[in-house]
Protein backbone atom coordinates (compact mmCIF):
# COMPACT_ATOMS: atom_id res chain seq x y z
CA UNK A 1 0.00 0.00 0.00
CA UNK A 2 1.50 3.28 -1.07
CA UNK A 3 1.71 6.09 1.43
CA UNK A 4 2.20 9.84 1.14
CA UNK A 5 4.62 11.75 3.38
CA UNK A 6 2.98 15.14 2.84
CA UNK A 7 0.41 17.48 4.30
CA UNK A 8 -3.27 17.50 3.52
CA UNK A 9 -3.04 20.17 0.85
CA UNK A 10 -0.48 18.28 -1.17
CA UNK A 11 -2.33 15.02 -0.65
CA UNK A 12 -5.42 16.58 -2.15
CA UNK A 13 -3.41 17.87 -5.10
CA UNK A 14 -1.97 14.48 -5.94
CA UNK A 15 -5.08 12.39 -5.42
CA UNK A 16 -7.93 14.45 -6.84
CA UNK A 17 -7.24 14.50 -10.53
CA UNK A 18 -3.64 15.65 -10.65
CA UNK A 19 -1.57 13.95 -13.32
CA UNK A 20 0.83 11.28 -12.07
CA UNK A 21 4.34 12.66 -11.92
CA UNK A 22 7.54 11.05 -13.21
CA UNK A 23 10.58 12.31 -11.32
CA UNK A 24 13.99 11.80 -12.87
CA UNK A 25 16.75 11.29 -10.33
CA UNK A 26 20.48 11.75 -10.90
CA UNK A 27 22.94 10.06 -8.57
CA UNK A 28 26.42 8.59 -8.33
CA UNK A 29 27.44 5.83 -5.81
CA UNK A 30 27.73 3.13 -8.50
CA UNK A 31 25.30 0.71 -10.17
CA UNK A 32 23.08 -1.87 -8.50
CA UNK A 33 20.69 -3.74 -10.76
CA UNK A 34 19.00 -5.95 -8.16
CA UNK A 35 18.59 -3.65 -5.16
CA UNK A 36 14.89 -4.41 -4.63
CA UNK A 37 12.82 -2.34 -2.22
CA UNK A 38 13.99 -3.72 1.14
CA UNK A 39 15.93 -0.80 2.61
CA UNK A 40 17.16 -2.96 5.52
CA UNK A 41 18.70 -5.82 3.52
CA UNK A 42 20.89 -4.17 0.85
CA UNK A 43 24.67 -3.82 1.30
CA UNK A 44 26.98 -1.11 -0.02
CA UNK A 45 26.31 2.47 -1.09
CA UNK A 46 24.98 1.67 -4.56
CA UNK A 47 22.47 -0.95 -3.46
CA UNK A 48 21.39 0.83 -0.27
CA UNK A 49 20.58 4.10 -2.05
CA UNK A 50 18.93 2.27 -4.94
CA UNK A 51 16.76 0.26 -2.53
CA UNK A 52 15.60 3.53 -0.95
CA UNK A 53 14.87 5.00 -4.40
CA UNK A 54 13.05 1.82 -5.45
CA UNK A 55 10.99 1.92 -2.28
CA UNK A 56 10.11 5.56 -2.96
CA UNK A 57 8.97 4.61 -6.46
CA UNK A 58 6.84 1.81 -5.04
CA UNK A 59 5.35 3.61 -2.05
CA UNK A 60 4.78 7.27 -2.97
CA UNK A 61 1.33 7.46 -4.51
CA UNK A 62 1.12 9.22 -7.85
CA UNK A 63 4.91 9.50 -8.26
CA UNK A 64 7.26 7.40 -10.39
CA UNK A 65 11.00 7.74 -9.76
CA UNK A 66 13.30 7.05 -12.70
CA UNK A 67 17.01 6.74 -11.83
CA UNK A 68 19.24 8.13 -14.56
CA UNK A 69 22.52 6.40 -15.39
CA UNK A 70 25.49 8.46 -14.22
CA UNK A 71 29.14 7.78 -13.52
CA UNK A 72 30.89 8.89 -10.34
CA UNK A 73 34.09 9.90 -12.12
CA UNK A 74 32.49 12.54 -14.36
CA UNK A 75 29.21 13.05 -12.54
CA UNK A 76 29.49 16.83 -12.23
CA UNK A 77 30.44 17.19 -15.89
CA UNK A 78 27.25 15.31 -16.76
CA UNK A 79 25.14 17.39 -14.39
CA UNK A 80 26.57 20.66 -15.71
CA UNK A 81 25.93 19.55 -19.29
CA UNK A 82 22.34 18.68 -18.37
CA UNK A 83 21.80 22.11 -16.83
CA UNK A 84 23.36 23.80 -19.86
CA UNK A 85 21.03 21.83 -22.13
CA UNK A 86 17.98 22.66 -20.03
CA UNK A 87 17.40 19.03 -19.00
CA UNK A 88 18.74 18.56 -15.46
CA UNK A 89 17.30 15.70 -13.38
CA UNK A 90 14.29 16.71 -11.29
CA UNK A 91 16.21 15.57 -8.21
CA UNK A 92 19.94 15.01 -7.99
CA UNK A 93 22.59 14.28 -5.42
CA UNK A 94 25.51 16.59 -4.84
CA UNK A 95 28.20 17.39 -2.28
CA UNK A 96 28.24 20.20 0.23
CA UNK A 97 31.32 21.69 -1.42
CA UNK A 98 29.43 22.14 -4.71
CA UNK A 99 26.60 24.25 -3.27
CA UNK A 100 28.31 27.64 -3.86
CA UNK A 101 29.07 26.67 -7.46
CA UNK A 102 25.47 25.73 -8.33
CA UNK A 103 23.44 27.94 -5.99
CA UNK A 104 25.71 30.87 -6.76
CA UNK A 105 24.42 30.98 -10.35
CA UNK A 106 20.78 30.35 -9.40
CA UNK A 107 20.69 26.76 -10.66
CA UNK A 108 19.25 25.26 -7.46
CA UNK A 109 15.80 25.80 -5.99
CA UNK A 110 15.64 27.50 -2.61
CA UNK A 111 13.60 25.03 -0.57
CA UNK A 112 13.12 27.32 2.42
CA UNK A 113 9.54 27.22 3.70
CA UNK A 114 8.56 24.28 1.49
CA UNK A 115 10.23 21.43 3.36
CA UNK A 116 7.75 21.34 6.21
CA UNK A 117 4.92 20.92 3.70
CA UNK A 118 6.17 17.44 2.91
CA UNK A 119 7.02 16.50 6.48
CA UNK A 120 10.74 17.37 6.52
CA UNK A 121 11.82 18.97 9.81
CA UNK A 122 15.01 21.01 9.34
CA UNK A 123 15.22 21.52 13.10
CA UNK A 124 15.98 17.79 13.39
CA UNK A 125 19.12 18.21 11.27
CA UNK A 126 22.45 18.64 13.01
CA UNK A 127 24.03 22.08 12.91
CA UNK A 128 26.69 20.92 10.43
CA UNK A 129 23.99 19.41 8.20
CA UNK A 130 22.00 22.66 8.15
CA UNK A 131 25.19 24.58 7.36
CA UNK A 132 25.94 22.15 4.53
CA UNK A 133 22.74 22.97 2.63
CA UNK A 134 22.56 26.68 3.49
CA UNK A 135 23.84 29.33 1.11
CA UNK A 136 23.33 33.06 1.65
CA UNK A 137 20.41 32.40 3.97
CA UNK A 138 18.52 29.94 1.74
CA UNK A 139 18.22 26.15 2.03
CA UNK A 140 19.27 24.53 -1.24
CA UNK A 141 19.00 20.85 -0.47
CA UNK A 142 18.16 18.07 1.96
CA UNK A 143 21.28 16.66 3.67
CA UNK A 144 21.75 12.90 3.72
CA UNK A 145 24.95 12.29 5.68
CA UNK A 146 28.26 13.43 7.04
CA UNK A 147 30.98 11.34 5.41
CA UNK A 148 34.66 11.47 6.24
CA UNK A 149 38.00 9.75 5.84
CA UNK A 150 38.69 6.99 8.36
CA UNK A 151 41.47 4.52 9.02
CA UNK A 152 40.26 1.03 8.17
CA UNK A 153 42.41 -1.43 10.11
CA UNK A 154 43.40 -5.08 9.69
CA UNK A 155 43.66 -6.15 13.32
CA UNK A 156 45.50 -9.39 12.55
CA UNK A 157 48.39 -7.54 10.92
CA UNK A 158 48.44 -4.93 13.67
CA UNK A 159 48.49 -7.58 16.38
CA UNK A 160 51.30 -9.49 14.68
CA UNK A 161 53.26 -6.22 14.67
CA UNK A 162 52.54 -5.59 18.37
CA UNK A 163 50.29 -2.61 17.66
CA UNK A 164 47.13 -3.66 19.50
CA UNK A 165 46.29 -2.64 23.04
CA UNK A 166 43.08 -3.34 24.97
CA UNK A 167 41.40 -4.64 21.84
CA UNK A 168 42.05 -1.48 19.79
CA UNK A 169 44.79 -0.62 17.30
CA UNK A 170 47.64 1.56 18.50
CA UNK A 171 47.72 4.49 16.06
CA UNK A 172 50.55 6.98 15.53
CA UNK A 173 50.54 10.39 17.20
CA UNK A 174 53.27 12.06 15.12
CA UNK A 175 54.87 11.73 11.66
CA UNK A 176 57.88 10.12 13.34
CA UNK A 177 55.70 7.55 15.05
CA UNK A 178 53.85 6.91 11.78
CA UNK A 179 57.16 5.97 10.15
CA UNK A 180 58.17 3.83 13.14
CA UNK A 181 54.86 1.95 13.17
CA UNK A 182 55.08 1.39 9.42
CA UNK A 183 58.57 -0.08 9.77
CA UNK A 184 57.38 -2.21 12.68
CA UNK A 185 54.62 -3.68 10.52
CA UNK A 186 56.98 -4.34 7.61
CA UNK A 187 59.57 -6.02 9.85
CA UNK A 188 57.00 -8.22 11.61
CA UNK A 189 54.71 -9.14 8.72
CA UNK A 190 56.31 -8.18 5.44
CA UNK A 191 53.21 -6.11 4.60
CA UNK A 192 52.85 -2.42 3.85
CA UNK A 193 51.50 -0.31 6.69
CA UNK A 194 49.29 2.06 4.73
CA UNK A 195 47.34 1.78 1.48
CA UNK A 196 45.28 4.49 -0.19
CA UNK A 197 44.33 5.73 -3.63
CA UNK A 198 47.30 7.96 -4.39
CA UNK A 199 47.15 7.58 -8.18
CA UNK A 200 43.54 8.21 -9.21
CA UNK A 201 40.88 9.99 -7.18
CA UNK A 202 41.84 12.76 -4.70
CA UNK A 203 42.20 10.57 -1.60
CA UNK A 204 45.80 11.75 -1.35
CA UNK A 205 44.59 15.36 -1.48
CA UNK A 206 42.28 14.67 1.45
CA UNK A 207 45.15 13.13 3.40
CA UNK A 208 47.30 16.22 2.88
CA UNK A 209 44.40 18.52 3.73
CA UNK A 210 43.77 16.67 7.00
CA UNK A 211 47.42 16.97 7.99
CA UNK A 212 47.46 20.69 7.13
CA UNK A 213 44.32 21.29 9.18
CA UNK A 214 45.98 19.44 12.06
CA UNK A 215 48.60 22.21 11.98
CA UNK A 216 45.99 24.99 11.91
CA UNK A 217 46.55 25.70 8.21
CA UNK A 218 44.41 25.52 5.06
CA UNK A 219 44.92 25.72 1.31
CA UNK A 220 43.16 29.07 0.97
CA UNK A 221 41.66 31.68 3.27
CA UNK A 222 38.12 32.97 3.64
CA UNK A 223 39.07 36.09 1.65
CA UNK A 224 40.34 33.99 -1.29
CA UNK A 225 44.11 33.93 -0.76
CA UNK A 226 45.83 30.67 -1.72
CA UNK A 227 48.12 29.35 1.04
CA UNK A 228 49.62 26.14 -0.36
CA UNK A 229 53.34 26.86 -0.66
CA UNK A 230 53.83 26.74 3.11
CA UNK A 231 55.78 24.89 5.81
CA UNK A 232 52.55 23.24 6.95
CA UNK A 233 51.93 21.83 3.48
CA UNK A 234 55.53 20.59 3.27
CA UNK A 235 55.16 18.89 6.65
CA UNK A 236 51.91 17.23 5.53
CA UNK A 237 53.37 15.99 2.26
CA UNK A 238 56.55 14.75 3.91
CA UNK A 239 54.57 12.73 6.46
CA UNK A 240 53.22 10.73 3.52
CA UNK A 241 56.22 10.63 1.17
CA UNK A 242 58.49 9.31 3.93
CA UNK A 243 56.47 6.08 3.73
CA UNK A 244 56.99 5.86 -0.03
CA UNK A 245 60.70 6.58 0.27
CA UNK A 246 61.11 3.80 2.84
CA UNK A 247 59.13 1.28 0.79
CA UNK A 248 56.35 1.09 3.38
CA UNK A 249 53.49 2.26 1.14
CA UNK A 250 52.83 2.15 -2.61
CA UNK A 251 52.07 5.47 -4.36
CA UNK A 252 51.08 3.63 -7.55
CA UNK A 253 47.82 2.24 -6.12
CA UNK A 254 44.54 3.52 -7.52
CA UNK A 255 41.20 3.27 -5.73
CA UNK A 256 40.33 -0.30 -6.73
CA UNK A 257 43.85 -1.63 -6.22
CA UNK A 258 44.29 -0.04 -2.79
CA UNK A 259 40.95 -1.43 -1.66
CA UNK A 260 41.79 -4.88 -2.98
CA UNK A 261 45.17 -4.84 -1.26
CA UNK A 262 43.43 -4.20 2.05
CA UNK A 263 40.76 -6.85 1.49
CA UNK A 264 43.49 -9.32 0.46
CA UNK A 265 45.20 -8.80 3.81
CA UNK A 266 48.21 -7.05 2.27
CA UNK A 267 48.04 -3.73 4.18
CA UNK A 268 47.58 -2.92 7.85
CA UNK A 269 45.63 0.29 7.21
CA UNK A 270 43.53 1.59 4.34
CA UNK A 271 42.64 5.28 4.23
CA UNK A 272 39.14 5.48 2.80
CA UNK A 273 35.77 6.89 3.74
CA UNK A 274 32.76 6.08 5.87
CA UNK A 275 31.03 4.81 2.73
CA UNK A 276 32.74 1.40 2.82
CA UNK A 277 32.24 0.37 6.46
CA UNK A 278 29.29 -1.95 5.84
CA UNK A 279 30.91 -3.37 2.68
CA UNK A 280 34.18 -4.19 4.45
CA UNK A 281 32.23 -5.64 7.37
CA UNK A 282 30.45 -7.99 4.97
CA UNK A 283 33.71 -8.86 3.17
CA UNK A 284 35.53 -9.62 6.43
CA UNK A 285 32.83 -12.16 7.27
CA UNK A 286 33.62 -14.17 4.13
CA UNK A 287 36.01 -17.10 4.49
CA UNK A 288 37.79 -16.38 1.22
CA UNK A 289 38.63 -12.74 2.08
CA UNK A 290 42.13 -12.02 3.38
CA UNK A 291 40.72 -9.46 5.83
CA UNK A 292 39.31 -11.23 8.90
CA UNK A 293 39.42 -8.97 11.96
CA UNK A 294 38.26 -5.54 10.81
CA UNK A 295 38.31 -2.35 12.89
CA UNK A 296 37.34 1.22 12.02
CA UNK A 297 39.30 4.09 13.60
CA UNK A 298 39.11 7.86 13.65
CA UNK A 299 41.82 9.53 11.55
CA UNK A 300 44.79 9.82 13.95
CA UNK A 301 46.21 13.16 15.06
CA UNK A 302 49.80 13.42 13.83
CA UNK A 303 50.25 17.13 14.57
CA UNK A 304 48.61 19.58 16.97
CA UNK A 305 44.84 19.14 16.64
CA UNK A 306 42.46 16.47 15.44
CA UNK A 307 41.17 16.88 11.87
CA UNK A 308 40.01 14.75 8.99
CA UNK A 309 38.53 15.53 5.59
CA UNK A 310 34.72 15.44 5.56
CA UNK A 311 31.82 16.39 3.32
CA UNK A 312 28.06 15.97 3.10
CA UNK A 313 25.89 14.29 0.47
CA UNK A 314 22.65 16.18 -0.16
CA UNK A 315 19.72 16.15 -2.56
CA UNK A 316 18.84 19.21 -4.61
CA UNK A 317 16.12 20.31 -7.01
CA UNK A 318 16.80 22.55 -10.05
CA UNK A 319 15.31 26.03 -9.70
CA UNK A 320 13.30 25.85 -13.00
CA UNK A 321 11.21 23.03 -11.53
CA UNK A 322 9.50 25.49 -9.20
CA UNK A 323 7.54 26.80 -12.18
CA UNK A 324 5.75 23.42 -12.36
CA UNK A 325 4.05 23.20 -8.97
CA UNK A 326 2.89 19.59 -9.24
CA UNK A 327 6.26 18.27 -10.35
CA UNK A 328 8.09 20.41 -7.81
CA UNK A 329 5.94 19.06 -4.97
CA UNK A 330 6.43 15.51 -6.23
CA UNK A 331 10.20 16.07 -6.22
CA UNK A 332 9.97 17.36 -2.65
CA UNK A 333 8.08 14.23 -1.74
CA UNK A 334 10.97 12.12 -2.99
CA UNK A 335 13.36 14.16 -0.85
CA UNK A 336 11.06 13.61 2.13
CA UNK A 337 11.12 9.86 1.57
CA UNK A 338 14.93 9.81 1.47
CA UNK A 339 15.08 11.98 4.58
CA UNK A 340 12.73 9.59 6.37
CA UNK A 341 15.12 6.73 5.58
CA UNK A 342 18.21 8.44 6.99
CA UNK A 343 18.97 5.51 9.30
CA UNK A 344 18.87 3.11 6.36
CA UNK A 345 21.40 5.20 4.44
CA UNK A 346 23.56 5.33 7.57
CA UNK A 347 23.97 1.55 7.33
CA UNK A 348 26.69 2.28 4.74
CA UNK A 349 28.87 3.65 7.51
CA UNK A 350 28.06 7.29 6.88
CA UNK A 351 27.06 9.40 9.86
CA UNK A 352 23.40 10.35 10.08
CA UNK A 353 22.35 14.00 9.88
CA UNK A 354 19.10 13.81 11.86
CA UNK A 355 19.41 14.21 15.62
CA UNK A 356 16.53 11.82 16.19
CA UNK A 357 18.38 9.15 14.19
CA UNK A 358 21.75 9.80 15.87
CA UNK A 359 20.08 9.24 19.25
CA UNK A 360 18.22 6.10 18.20
CA UNK A 361 19.10 2.59 19.33
CA UNK A 362 18.91 1.34 15.74
CA UNK A 363 21.64 3.75 14.64
CA UNK A 364 23.93 3.15 17.60
CA UNK A 365 23.68 -0.62 17.18
CA UNK A 366 25.13 -0.46 13.65
CA UNK A 367 28.43 -2.37 13.23
CA UNK A 368 31.63 -0.55 14.27
CA UNK A 369 29.70 2.62 15.05
CA UNK A 370 31.31 3.01 18.49
CA UNK A 371 34.82 2.79 17.00
CA UNK A 372 34.76 6.12 15.19
CA UNK A 373 32.50 8.28 17.32
CA UNK A 374 35.13 11.03 17.40
CA UNK A 375 35.05 11.63 13.65
CA UNK A 376 32.15 14.09 13.69
CA UNK A 377 34.08 16.31 16.11
CA UNK A 378 37.21 16.46 13.93
CA UNK A 379 35.44 16.77 10.55
CA UNK A 380 36.87 19.65 8.51
CA UNK A 381 36.77 21.16 5.02
CA UNK A 382 38.07 24.14 3.10
CA UNK A 383 36.22 27.47 3.06
CA UNK A 384 33.30 27.54 0.59
CA UNK A 385 34.33 28.25 -2.99
CA UNK A 386 32.63 28.15 -6.36
CA UNK A 387 35.93 26.79 -7.69
CA UNK A 388 36.26 23.85 -5.27
CA UNK A 389 36.17 21.17 -7.97
CA UNK A 390 38.85 22.82 -10.08
CA UNK A 391 41.00 23.52 -7.01
CA UNK A 392 40.82 19.87 -5.98
CA UNK A 393 41.86 18.83 -9.49
CA UNK A 394 44.92 21.09 -9.36
CA UNK A 395 45.99 19.70 -6.00
CA UNK A 396 45.48 16.12 -7.14
CA UNK A 397 47.60 16.68 -10.23
CA UNK A 398 50.45 18.40 -8.38
CA UNK A 399 50.53 15.96 -5.46
CA UNK A 400 50.55 13.01 -7.83
CA UNK A 401 53.44 14.68 -9.64
CA UNK A 402 55.35 14.57 -6.35
CA UNK A 403 54.89 10.93 -5.55
CA UNK A 404 54.50 9.46 -9.04
CA UNK A 405 57.03 11.45 -11.08
CA UNK A 406 59.44 12.81 -8.48
CA UNK A 407 58.58 16.48 -8.92
CA UNK A 408 60.24 18.47 -6.12
CA UNK A 409 57.81 19.25 -3.31
CA UNK A 410 58.58 22.97 -3.36
CA UNK A 411 58.01 23.22 -7.10
CA UNK A 412 54.72 21.34 -6.93
CA UNK A 413 53.36 23.40 -4.03
CA UNK A 414 54.45 26.68 -5.66
CA UNK A 415 52.83 25.72 -8.97
CA UNK A 416 49.65 24.63 -7.17
CA UNK A 417 49.46 27.91 -5.25
CA UNK A 418 49.77 30.00 -8.41
CA UNK A 419 47.12 28.02 -10.23
CA UNK A 420 44.72 27.95 -7.29
CA UNK A 421 45.13 31.69 -6.78
CA UNK A 422 44.22 32.20 -10.43
CA UNK A 423 41.05 30.13 -9.89
CA UNK A 424 40.13 32.07 -6.75
CA UNK A 425 40.63 35.38 -8.54
CA UNK A 426 38.26 34.59 -11.40
């Protein structure tokens, strides 16, 4: 039996002669062809989100939800092309860091005042979640999570290396200790200490950012001044490259290879996000997987203050859709359904954004949840910028030039600062 998560006025509009609405939905997270509609049974980001979308399609009366095929790697290029062609999805996912870029040119609908109509309570969102979707006083989306970089740990390797105490991994508290722990793992097990995607997506960028934030620095200031060619950036980069130089980590790994190395039991630690916690939990339970004892840890503090890269996934509606009241309200209904299933999405490993969910027994009973409770407190990001995507690309290219081609650190940071400043000045 389909249900409607909206007020009486909208219910009347959708059930008394209004035309059934087809809502197109753009998302990344990967493909899942057999997700079904059971939002409690699916595993992994792709299947969990698709099960929620499938359930919305099945349960919201008068609304059909059609998921559009999109690829994570060039998702924003596709979305921008769709906007330019006048055919953006009626609902689409995006990151917090992209809000200034899209809302700044009027592409996104301001949802302020309309959310309550469909049963969404913004006062139930955490402060960081409200901030994530707010731009110049307007609300431009419905937040879905707080996601961040974690340290995923193979406890068997750590124990063999003598780096387990009271059932938890012993993590480094300085760059020097990081190098010492890495050598300890190599000597005891023959395995690398740390794996991450250093050669493809900007995981390495996020590592460097975290270590700069831990020193009280950032890559640009609120007033738009690039600050990349600095001692703090050199310290952050060196903390990572010392592992490469000593043969204790492999800079050639891409996302898939680094993940496989960890699952094969070939690395003590994998730096990756909250989005893989439930997947790795399921993999560790399989007999054929090299990873057996799996632990999830907050990103360690190697410098002065705790910090890790974090972002928020949110759902937005294009501003032109507001001219079609029925379709706009149907799109809001889809957002309300996703918001109502926040605890189901949190099964991925992402942190929930609704206070009522964060305080629920169902949420706190999720696997490994108590192992990274400190992550929300150390979550950080750069200042808002319409050029975030391009800035991240510059940093990824220059950092990869350091560890993949041997470009001198000073040259890479100086080149990155010049190029980022040019982007900020546009």
